[in-house]
Amino acid sequence: MHSALRAIPVGLVAGLCAAVVAWYLIGDVSTVSDLADGTRALDPPAVLEVAPWPVGVLTALVLAGCVATVARRWTVASPVVLCVVAGLLVGWAGRIMTATVIGANIGGGLMTLIGLPLAGILVLVAVVTALVIARRAQRDARMSKPDPSATAM
């Protein structure tokens, strides 16, 4: 398996970790402390609210490990970078959609209609980029081999 194809699962894990890290770094953006005065588009996930610091630190370490895995080869890093950007966008969208504010339906709806499809497009572009890189490397390896019939007499 070419290293560009290995970048796909690494990128997906890095994107998920980037979403969680962005969730914790952005923090609560609620402007209304009492739920009776404001509304939420979505309730926050219970998993992220149970143990915020251990989960945040663990995902930051996993994200750093994913980045270190592909840091040696820049051509393989481009799909991972796209997945990380998509993860940051998803984490930002999650914080907007779970904020307790007066206009939660507007911000949550915009992030659902624009932000999440954009993140999906970024992941799709990352997968296609990894496949194109692997295909080019395979073609270059095939083209660089000498033809044994050309040297035979």
N, C-alpha and C. Protein backbone atom coordinates (compact mmCIF):
# COMPACT_ATOMS: atom_id res chain seq x y z
N MET A 1 0.84 -1.17 0.00
CA MET A 1 0.00 0.00 0.00
C MET A 1 0.89 1.24 0.00
N HIS A 2 0.56 2.14 -0.86
CA HIS A 2 1.33 3.39 -0.95
C HIS A 2 1.07 4.26 0.26
N SER A 3 2.05 5.07 0.61
CA SER A 3 1.91 5.91 1.81
C SER A 3 0.80 6.95 1.66
N ALA A 4 0.46 7.32 0.42
CA ALA A 4 -0.65 8.26 0.24
C ALA A 4 -1.97 7.62 0.61
N LEU A 5 -2.10 6.32 0.38
CA LEU A 5 -3.33 5.63 0.79
C LEU A 5 -3.40 5.46 2.30
N ARG A 6 -2.25 5.38 2.94
CA ARG A 6 -2.24 5.33 4.41
C ARG A 6 -2.62 6.67 5.01
N ALA A 7 -2.51 7.73 4.23
CA ALA A 7 -2.85 9.07 4.72
C ALA A 7 -4.36 9.24 4.88
N ILE A 8 -5.15 8.41 4.19
CA ILE A 8 -6.61 8.56 4.30
C ILE A 8 -7.10 8.25 5.71
N PRO A 9 -6.80 7.06 6.28
CA PRO A 9 -7.27 6.83 7.66
C PRO A 9 -6.61 7.75 8.68
N VAL A 10 -5.33 8.09 8.45
CA VAL A 10 -4.66 9.03 9.36
C VAL A 10 -5.34 10.39 9.30
N GLY A 11 -5.72 10.82 8.10
CA GLY A 11 -6.40 12.09 7.95
C GLY A 11 -7.77 12.10 8.60
N LEU A 12 -8.51 11.00 8.47
CA LEU A 12 -9.82 10.94 9.09
C LEU A 12 -9.72 10.99 10.62
N VAL A 13 -8.75 10.27 11.17
CA VAL A 13 -8.55 10.32 12.63
C VAL A 13 -8.11 11.71 13.05
N ALA A 14 -7.20 12.32 12.26
CA ALA A 14 -6.74 13.67 12.58
C ALA A 14 -7.89 14.68 12.49
N GLY A 15 -8.78 14.49 11.52
CA GLY A 15 -9.93 15.38 11.40
C GLY A 15 -10.88 15.27 12.57
N LEU A 16 -11.13 14.05 13.02
CA LEU A 16 -11.99 13.87 14.20
C LEU A 16 -11.35 14.48 15.44
N CYS A 17 -10.06 14.28 15.60
CA CYS A 17 -9.37 14.87 16.75
C CYS A 17 -9.35 16.39 16.66
N ALA A 18 -9.20 16.93 15.44
CA ALA A 18 -9.21 18.38 15.28
C ALA A 18 -10.58 18.96 15.63
N ALA A 19 -11.64 18.23 15.33
CA ALA A 19 -12.98 18.70 15.70
C ALA A 19 -13.13 18.78 17.22
N VAL A 20 -12.64 17.77 17.92
CA VAL A 20 -12.75 17.76 19.38
C VAL A 20 -11.85 18.84 19.99
N VAL A 21 -10.64 18.98 19.46
CA VAL A 21 -9.74 20.01 19.98
C VAL A 21 -10.32 21.40 19.72
N ALA A 22 -10.90 21.62 18.54
CA ALA A 22 -11.53 22.92 18.26
C ALA A 22 -12.70 23.16 19.19
N TRP A 23 -13.46 22.11 19.50
CA TRP A 23 -14.59 22.22 20.43
C TRP A 23 -14.12 22.77 21.77
N TYR A 24 -13.02 22.20 22.30
CA TYR A 24 -12.53 22.63 23.60
C TYR A 24 -11.82 23.98 23.55
N LEU A 25 -11.10 24.26 22.47
CA LEU A 25 -10.39 25.53 22.40
C LEU A 25 -11.34 26.70 22.21
N ILE A 26 -12.42 26.51 21.46
CA ILE A 26 -13.39 27.59 21.26
C ILE A 26 -14.15 27.86 22.56
N GLY A 27 -14.53 26.82 23.24
CA GLY A 27 -15.25 26.97 24.50
C GLY A 27 -16.72 27.32 24.28
N ASP A 28 -17.41 27.52 25.37
CA ASP A 28 -18.84 27.82 25.29
C ASP A 28 -19.03 29.24 24.79
N VAL A 29 -19.82 29.39 23.74
CA VAL A 29 -20.07 30.71 23.15
C VAL A 29 -21.48 31.19 23.45
N SER A 30 -22.09 30.62 24.47
CA SER A 30 -23.44 31.02 24.84
C SER A 30 -23.43 32.45 25.37
N THR A 31 -24.44 33.21 24.97
CA THR A 31 -24.57 34.57 25.47
C THR A 31 -25.65 34.66 26.55
N VAL A 32 -26.49 33.66 26.62
CA VAL A 32 -27.56 33.62 27.61
C VAL A 32 -27.27 32.47 28.55
N SER A 33 -27.14 32.76 29.83
CA SER A 33 -26.80 31.70 30.77
C SER A 33 -28.00 30.84 31.13
N ASP A 34 -29.17 31.39 31.09
CA ASP A 34 -30.38 30.64 31.44
C ASP A 34 -31.02 30.12 30.16
N LEU A 35 -31.33 28.84 30.12
CA LEU A 35 -31.91 28.22 28.94
C LEU A 35 -33.30 28.75 28.64
N ALA A 36 -33.97 29.31 29.63
CA ALA A 36 -35.33 29.82 29.41
C ALA A 36 -35.31 31.08 28.54
N ASP A 37 -34.22 31.85 28.59
CA ASP A 37 -34.13 33.07 27.79
C ASP A 37 -33.65 32.81 26.37
N GLY A 38 -32.89 31.78 26.17
CA GLY A 38 -32.35 31.47 24.85
C GLY A 38 -32.70 30.06 24.44
N THR A 39 -32.38 29.74 23.22
CA THR A 39 -32.63 28.40 22.71
C THR A 39 -31.35 27.82 22.15
N ARG A 40 -31.36 26.52 21.94
CA ARG A 40 -30.24 25.82 21.33
C ARG A 40 -30.74 25.13 20.07
N ALA A 41 -29.91 25.14 19.05
CA ALA A 41 -30.26 24.38 17.86
C ALA A 41 -30.10 22.89 18.13
N LEU A 42 -29.07 22.53 18.88
CA LEU A 42 -28.80 21.14 19.27
C LEU A 42 -28.27 21.12 20.70
N ASP A 43 -28.46 20.02 21.38
CA ASP A 43 -27.84 19.84 22.69
C ASP A 43 -26.42 19.34 22.50
N PRO A 44 -25.48 19.77 23.36
CA PRO A 44 -24.10 19.30 23.20
C PRO A 44 -23.99 17.81 23.50
N PRO A 45 -23.04 17.13 22.87
CA PRO A 45 -22.85 15.71 23.15
C PRO A 45 -22.43 15.48 24.60
N ALA A 46 -23.02 14.49 25.22
CA ALA A 46 -22.72 14.20 26.62
C ALA A 46 -21.29 13.73 26.80
N VAL A 47 -20.74 13.08 25.80
CA VAL A 47 -19.37 12.56 25.90
C VAL A 47 -18.38 13.70 26.06
N LEU A 48 -18.61 14.81 25.39
CA LEU A 48 -17.68 15.92 25.46
C LEU A 48 -17.84 16.76 26.72
N GLU A 49 -18.97 16.60 27.40
CA GLU A 49 -19.22 17.39 28.60
C GLU A 49 -18.84 16.66 29.88
N VAL A 50 -18.60 15.34 29.83
CA VAL A 50 -18.34 14.55 31.04
C VAL A 50 -16.97 14.87 31.63
N ALA A 51 -15.92 14.69 30.85
CA ALA A 51 -14.56 14.93 31.33
C ALA A 51 -13.83 15.80 30.31
N PRO A 52 -14.03 17.11 30.37
CA PRO A 52 -13.51 17.95 29.29
C PRO A 52 -11.99 17.98 29.16
N TRP A 53 -11.25 18.11 30.24
CA TRP A 53 -9.80 18.24 30.11
C TRP A 53 -9.11 16.94 29.70
N PRO A 54 -9.43 15.80 30.30
CA PRO A 54 -8.76 14.58 29.84
C PRO A 54 -9.05 14.25 28.37
N VAL A 55 -10.29 14.45 27.95
CA VAL A 55 -10.63 14.15 26.55
C VAL A 55 -9.92 15.14 25.62
N GLY A 56 -9.88 16.41 25.99
CA GLY A 56 -9.22 17.41 25.17
C GLY A 56 -7.73 17.16 25.04
N VAL A 57 -7.07 16.83 26.14
CA VAL A 57 -5.63 16.57 26.11
C VAL A 57 -5.33 15.30 25.32
N LEU A 58 -6.14 14.26 25.50
CA LEU A 58 -5.93 13.01 24.78
C LEU A 58 -6.09 13.21 23.27
N THR A 59 -7.12 13.93 22.86
CA THR A 59 -7.30 14.15 21.43
C THR A 59 -6.22 15.07 20.85
N ALA A 60 -5.73 16.00 21.65
CA ALA A 60 -4.62 16.85 21.18
C ALA A 60 -3.36 16.01 20.97
N LEU A 61 -3.11 15.05 21.85
CA LEU A 61 -1.96 14.17 21.69
C LEU A 61 -2.10 13.27 20.47
N VAL A 62 -3.30 12.75 20.25
CA VAL A 62 -3.53 11.92 19.07
C VAL A 62 -3.37 12.75 17.79
N LEU A 63 -3.87 13.98 17.81
CA LEU A 63 -3.71 14.87 16.66
C LEU A 63 -2.24 15.16 16.39
N ALA A 64 -1.47 15.39 17.43
CA ALA A 64 -0.03 15.62 17.26
C ALA A 64 0.66 14.38 16.70
N GLY A 65 0.22 13.20 17.14
CA GLY A 65 0.78 11.96 16.60
C GLY A 65 0.45 11.77 15.13
N CYS A 66 -0.76 12.12 14.74
CA CYS A 66 -1.14 12.03 13.32
C CYS A 66 -0.33 12.98 12.47
N VAL A 67 -0.12 14.18 12.97
CA VAL A 67 0.67 15.16 12.23
C VAL A 67 2.13 14.70 12.14
N ALA A 68 2.66 14.13 13.21
CA ALA A 68 4.04 13.64 13.19
C ALA A 68 4.20 12.45 12.25
N THR A 69 3.13 11.68 12.07
CA THR A 69 3.20 10.52 11.18
C THR A 69 3.44 10.93 9.73
N VAL A 70 2.80 12.00 9.30
CA VAL A 70 2.91 12.41 7.91
C VAL A 70 3.80 13.62 7.70
N ALA A 71 4.47 14.08 8.74
CA ALA A 71 5.29 15.29 8.62
C ALA A 71 6.53 15.07 7.76
N ARG A 72 6.95 13.84 7.61
CA ARG A 72 8.16 13.57 6.85
C ARG A 72 7.97 13.77 5.35
N ARG A 73 6.78 13.51 4.86
CA ARG A 73 6.52 13.61 3.42
C ARG A 73 5.41 14.63 3.17
N TRP A 74 5.75 15.74 2.56
CA TRP A 74 4.78 16.80 2.37
C TRP A 74 3.68 16.40 1.39
N THR A 75 3.98 15.61 0.37
CA THR A 75 2.95 15.22 -0.60
C THR A 75 1.89 14.36 0.05
N VAL A 76 2.26 13.59 1.03
CA VAL A 76 1.29 12.76 1.74
C VAL A 76 0.55 13.57 2.79
N ALA A 77 1.12 14.68 3.21
CA ALA A 77 0.50 15.49 4.26
C ALA A 77 -0.68 16.31 3.75
N SER A 78 -0.76 16.56 2.46
CA SER A 78 -1.84 17.42 1.98
C SER A 78 -3.24 16.84 2.23
N PRO A 79 -3.51 15.53 2.08
CA PRO A 79 -4.84 15.03 2.46
C PRO A 79 -5.11 15.16 3.96
N VAL A 80 -4.09 15.00 4.76
CA VAL A 80 -4.27 15.12 6.21
C VAL A 80 -4.58 16.57 6.59
N VAL A 81 -3.93 17.51 5.95
CA VAL A 81 -4.19 18.93 6.22
C VAL A 81 -5.63 19.27 5.86
N LEU A 82 -6.12 18.77 4.74
CA LEU A 82 -7.50 19.02 4.35
C LEU A 82 -8.48 18.44 5.36
N CYS A 83 -8.19 17.25 5.86
CA CYS A 83 -9.06 16.63 6.87
C CYS A 83 -9.02 17.40 8.18
N VAL A 84 -7.87 17.92 8.55
CA VAL A 84 -7.76 18.71 9.78
C VAL A 84 -8.56 20.01 9.64
N VAL A 85 -8.50 20.65 8.49
CA VAL A 85 -9.28 21.87 8.27
C VAL A 85 -10.78 21.54 8.34
N ALA A 86 -11.18 20.41 7.76
CA ALA A 86 -12.58 19.99 7.85
C ALA A 86 -12.98 19.73 9.30
N GLY A 87 -12.09 19.13 10.08
CA GLY A 87 -12.37 18.88 11.49
C GLY A 87 -12.50 20.17 12.28
N LEU A 88 -11.65 21.15 12.00
CA LEU A 88 -11.77 22.44 12.67
C LEU A 88 -13.10 23.10 12.35
N LEU A 89 -13.53 22.97 11.11
CA LEU A 89 -14.82 23.53 10.70
C LEU A 89 -15.97 22.83 11.41
N VAL A 90 -15.88 21.51 11.56
CA VAL A 90 -16.93 20.77 12.26
C VAL A 90 -16.96 21.14 13.74
N GLY A 91 -15.80 21.30 14.37
CA GLY A 91 -15.77 21.71 15.77
C GLY A 91 -16.36 23.10 15.98
N TRP A 92 -16.06 23.99 15.06
CA TRP A 92 -16.62 25.35 15.12
C TRP A 92 -18.13 25.30 14.92
N ALA A 93 -18.58 24.50 13.96
CA ALA A 93 -20.01 24.36 13.72
C ALA A 93 -20.71 23.76 14.93
N GLY A 94 -20.05 22.81 15.59
CA GLY A 94 -20.65 22.23 16.79
C GLY A 94 -20.83 23.24 17.90
N ARG A 95 -19.84 24.10 18.08
CA ARG A 95 -19.98 25.12 19.12
C ARG A 95 -21.06 26.13 18.78
N ILE A 96 -21.20 26.47 17.51
CA ILE A 96 -22.25 27.41 17.12
C ILE A 96 -23.62 26.78 17.29
N MET A 97 -23.75 25.52 16.91
CA MET A 97 -25.06 24.87 16.97
C MET A 97 -25.50 24.53 18.39
N THR A 98 -24.56 24.45 19.33
CA THR A 98 -24.93 24.12 20.71
C THR A 98 -24.92 25.33 21.64
N ALA A 99 -24.74 26.51 21.11
CA ALA A 99 -24.72 27.71 21.93
C ALA A 99 -26.14 28.09 22.34
N THR A 100 -26.28 28.57 23.56
CA THR A 100 -27.56 29.06 24.05
C THR A 100 -27.62 30.55 23.77
N VAL A 101 -28.29 30.91 22.70
CA VAL A 101 -28.41 32.30 22.29
C VAL A 101 -29.83 32.57 21.81
N ILE A 102 -30.13 33.81 21.59
CA ILE A 102 -31.47 34.18 21.13
C ILE A 102 -31.71 33.69 19.71
N GLY A 103 -30.74 33.85 18.80
CA GLY A 103 -30.92 33.44 17.41
C GLY A 103 -30.25 32.13 17.07
N ALA A 104 -30.38 31.13 17.92
CA ALA A 104 -29.69 29.86 17.72
C ALA A 104 -30.16 29.16 16.45
N ASN A 105 -31.41 29.34 16.09
CA ASN A 105 -31.90 28.67 14.90
C ASN A 105 -31.25 29.22 13.63
N ILE A 106 -30.87 30.47 13.63
CA ILE A 106 -30.26 31.07 12.44
C ILE A 106 -28.82 30.58 12.28
N GLY A 107 -28.02 30.70 13.33
CA GLY A 107 -26.63 30.26 13.25
C GLY A 107 -26.50 28.77 13.05
N GLY A 108 -27.32 27.99 13.78
CA GLY A 108 -27.28 26.55 13.62
C GLY A 108 -27.71 26.11 12.23
N GLY A 109 -28.71 26.78 11.69
CA GLY A 109 -29.17 26.45 10.35
C GLY A 109 -28.14 26.78 9.29
N LEU A 110 -27.47 27.93 9.44
CA LEU A 110 -26.44 28.29 8.48
C LEU A 110 -25.26 27.33 8.53
N MET A 111 -24.86 26.93 9.72
CA MET A 111 -23.76 25.98 9.82
C MET A 111 -24.16 24.61 9.29
N THR A 112 -25.41 24.24 9.46
CA THR A 112 -25.87 22.96 8.93
C THR A 112 -25.93 23.00 7.40
N LEU A 113 -26.38 24.12 6.85
CA LEU A 113 -26.53 24.21 5.40
C LEU A 113 -25.24 24.54 4.66
N ILE A 114 -24.32 25.25 5.31
CA ILE A 114 -23.10 25.68 4.61
C ILE A 114 -21.85 25.03 5.19
N GLY A 115 -21.69 25.06 6.50
CA GLY A 115 -20.45 24.60 7.13
C GLY A 115 -20.22 23.10 7.02
N LEU A 116 -21.22 22.31 7.34
CA LEU A 116 -21.04 20.86 7.32
C LEU A 116 -20.88 20.29 5.91
N PRO A 117 -21.66 20.77 4.90
CA PRO A 117 -21.36 20.31 3.54
C PRO A 117 -19.97 20.71 3.05
N LEU A 118 -19.51 21.89 3.46
CA LEU A 118 -18.16 22.31 3.10
C LEU A 118 -17.12 21.37 3.72
N ALA A 119 -17.34 20.96 4.96
CA ALA A 119 -16.43 20.00 5.59
C ALA A 119 -16.46 18.66 4.85
N GLY A 120 -17.64 18.23 4.43
CA GLY A 120 -17.73 17.00 3.66
C GLY A 120 -17.00 17.09 2.33
N ILE A 121 -17.10 18.24 1.67
CA ILE A 121 -16.39 18.45 0.41
C ILE A 121 -14.89 18.43 0.64
N LEU A 122 -14.42 19.01 1.74
CA LEU A 122 -12.99 18.98 2.06
C LEU A 122 -12.49 17.56 2.27
N VAL A 123 -13.28 16.73 2.95
CA VAL A 123 -12.88 15.34 3.17
C VAL A 123 -12.87 14.59 1.83
N LEU A 124 -13.86 14.84 1.00
CA LEU A 124 -13.90 14.19 -0.32
C LEU A 124 -12.70 14.60 -1.16
N VAL A 125 -12.34 15.88 -1.13
CA VAL A 125 -11.16 16.34 -1.86
C VAL A 125 -9.90 15.70 -1.30
N ALA A 126 -9.83 15.50 0.01
CA ALA A 126 -8.67 14.85 0.62
C ALA A 126 -8.53 13.41 0.15
N VAL A 127 -9.64 12.68 0.08
CA VAL A 127 -9.59 11.29 -0.38
C VAL A 127 -9.18 11.24 -1.85
N VAL A 128 -9.75 12.11 -2.67
CA VAL A 128 -9.38 12.13 -4.10
C VAL A 128 -7.92 12.52 -4.27
N THR A 129 -7.45 13.47 -3.48
CA THR A 129 -6.04 13.87 -3.55
C THR A 129 -5.12 12.72 -3.20
N ALA A 130 -5.45 11.97 -2.17
CA ALA A 130 -4.63 10.81 -1.78
C ALA A 130 -4.63 9.76 -2.89
N LEU A 131 -5.78 9.53 -3.50
CA LEU A 131 -5.84 8.54 -4.58
C LEU A 131 -5.04 8.99 -5.80
N VAL A 132 -5.09 10.28 -6.12
CA VAL A 132 -4.33 10.80 -7.26
C VAL A 132 -2.83 10.71 -6.97
N ILE A 133 -2.41 11.03 -5.77
CA ILE A 133 -0.99 10.94 -5.41
C ILE A 133 -0.51 9.50 -5.51
N ALA A 134 -1.31 8.56 -5.02
CA ALA A 134 -0.93 7.15 -5.09
C ALA A 134 -0.88 6.67 -6.52
N ARG A 135 -1.82 7.10 -7.34
CA ARG A 135 -1.85 6.69 -8.76
C ARG A 135 -0.64 7.25 -9.50
N ARG A 136 -0.29 8.50 -9.25
CA ARG A 136 0.88 9.09 -9.90
C ARG A 136 2.17 8.39 -9.47
N ALA A 137 2.28 8.07 -8.20
CA ALA A 137 3.47 7.37 -7.72
C ALA A 137 3.57 5.98 -8.34
N GLN A 138 2.43 5.31 -8.49
CA GLN A 138 2.41 4.00 -9.12
C GLN A 138 2.81 4.11 -10.59
N ARG A 139 2.30 5.11 -11.29
CA ARG A 139 2.65 5.31 -12.70
C ARG A 139 4.12 5.66 -12.85
N ASP A 140 4.64 6.52 -11.97
CA ASP A 140 6.05 6.89 -12.05
C ASP A 140 6.96 5.70 -11.78
N ALA A 141 6.55 4.84 -10.85
CA ALA A 141 7.35 3.64 -10.55
C ALA A 141 7.33 2.70 -11.75
N ARG A 142 6.20 2.59 -12.42
CA ARG A 142 6.09 1.72 -13.57
C ARG A 142 6.90 2.27 -14.75
N MET A 143 6.91 3.59 -14.91
CA MET A 143 7.63 4.21 -16.01
C MET A 143 9.14 4.21 -15.80
N SER A 144 9.59 4.20 -14.57
CA SER A 144 11.03 4.26 -14.30
C SER A 144 11.71 2.91 -14.42
N LYS A 145 10.95 1.81 -14.47
CA LYS A 145 11.56 0.49 -14.62
C LYS A 145 12.09 0.33 -16.04
N PRO A 146 13.30 -0.20 -16.16
CA PRO A 146 13.82 -0.42 -17.51
C PRO A 146 13.10 -1.61 -18.16
N ASP A 147 12.90 -1.52 -19.44
CA ASP A 147 12.24 -2.59 -20.19
C ASP A 147 13.27 -3.67 -20.49
N PRO A 148 13.08 -4.91 -19.97
CA PRO A 148 14.09 -5.96 -20.19
C PRO A 148 14.16 -6.40 -21.66
N SER A 149 13.09 -6.24 -22.40
CA SER A 149 13.13 -6.67 -23.80
C SER A 149 13.92 -5.70 -24.67
N ALA A 150 14.09 -4.48 -24.25
CA ALA A 150 14.82 -3.50 -25.05
C ALA A 150 16.32 -3.76 -25.02
N THR A 151 16.83 -4.38 -23.97
CA THR A 151 18.27 -4.64 -23.87
C THR A 151 18.66 -6.03 -24.35
N ALA A 152 17.70 -6.90 -24.53
CA ALA A 152 18.00 -8.28 -24.96
C ALA A 152 18.32 -8.30 -26.46
N MET A 153 19.23 -9.18 -26.86
CA MET A 153 19.57 -9.29 -28.27
C MET A 153 19.25 -10.64 -28.79
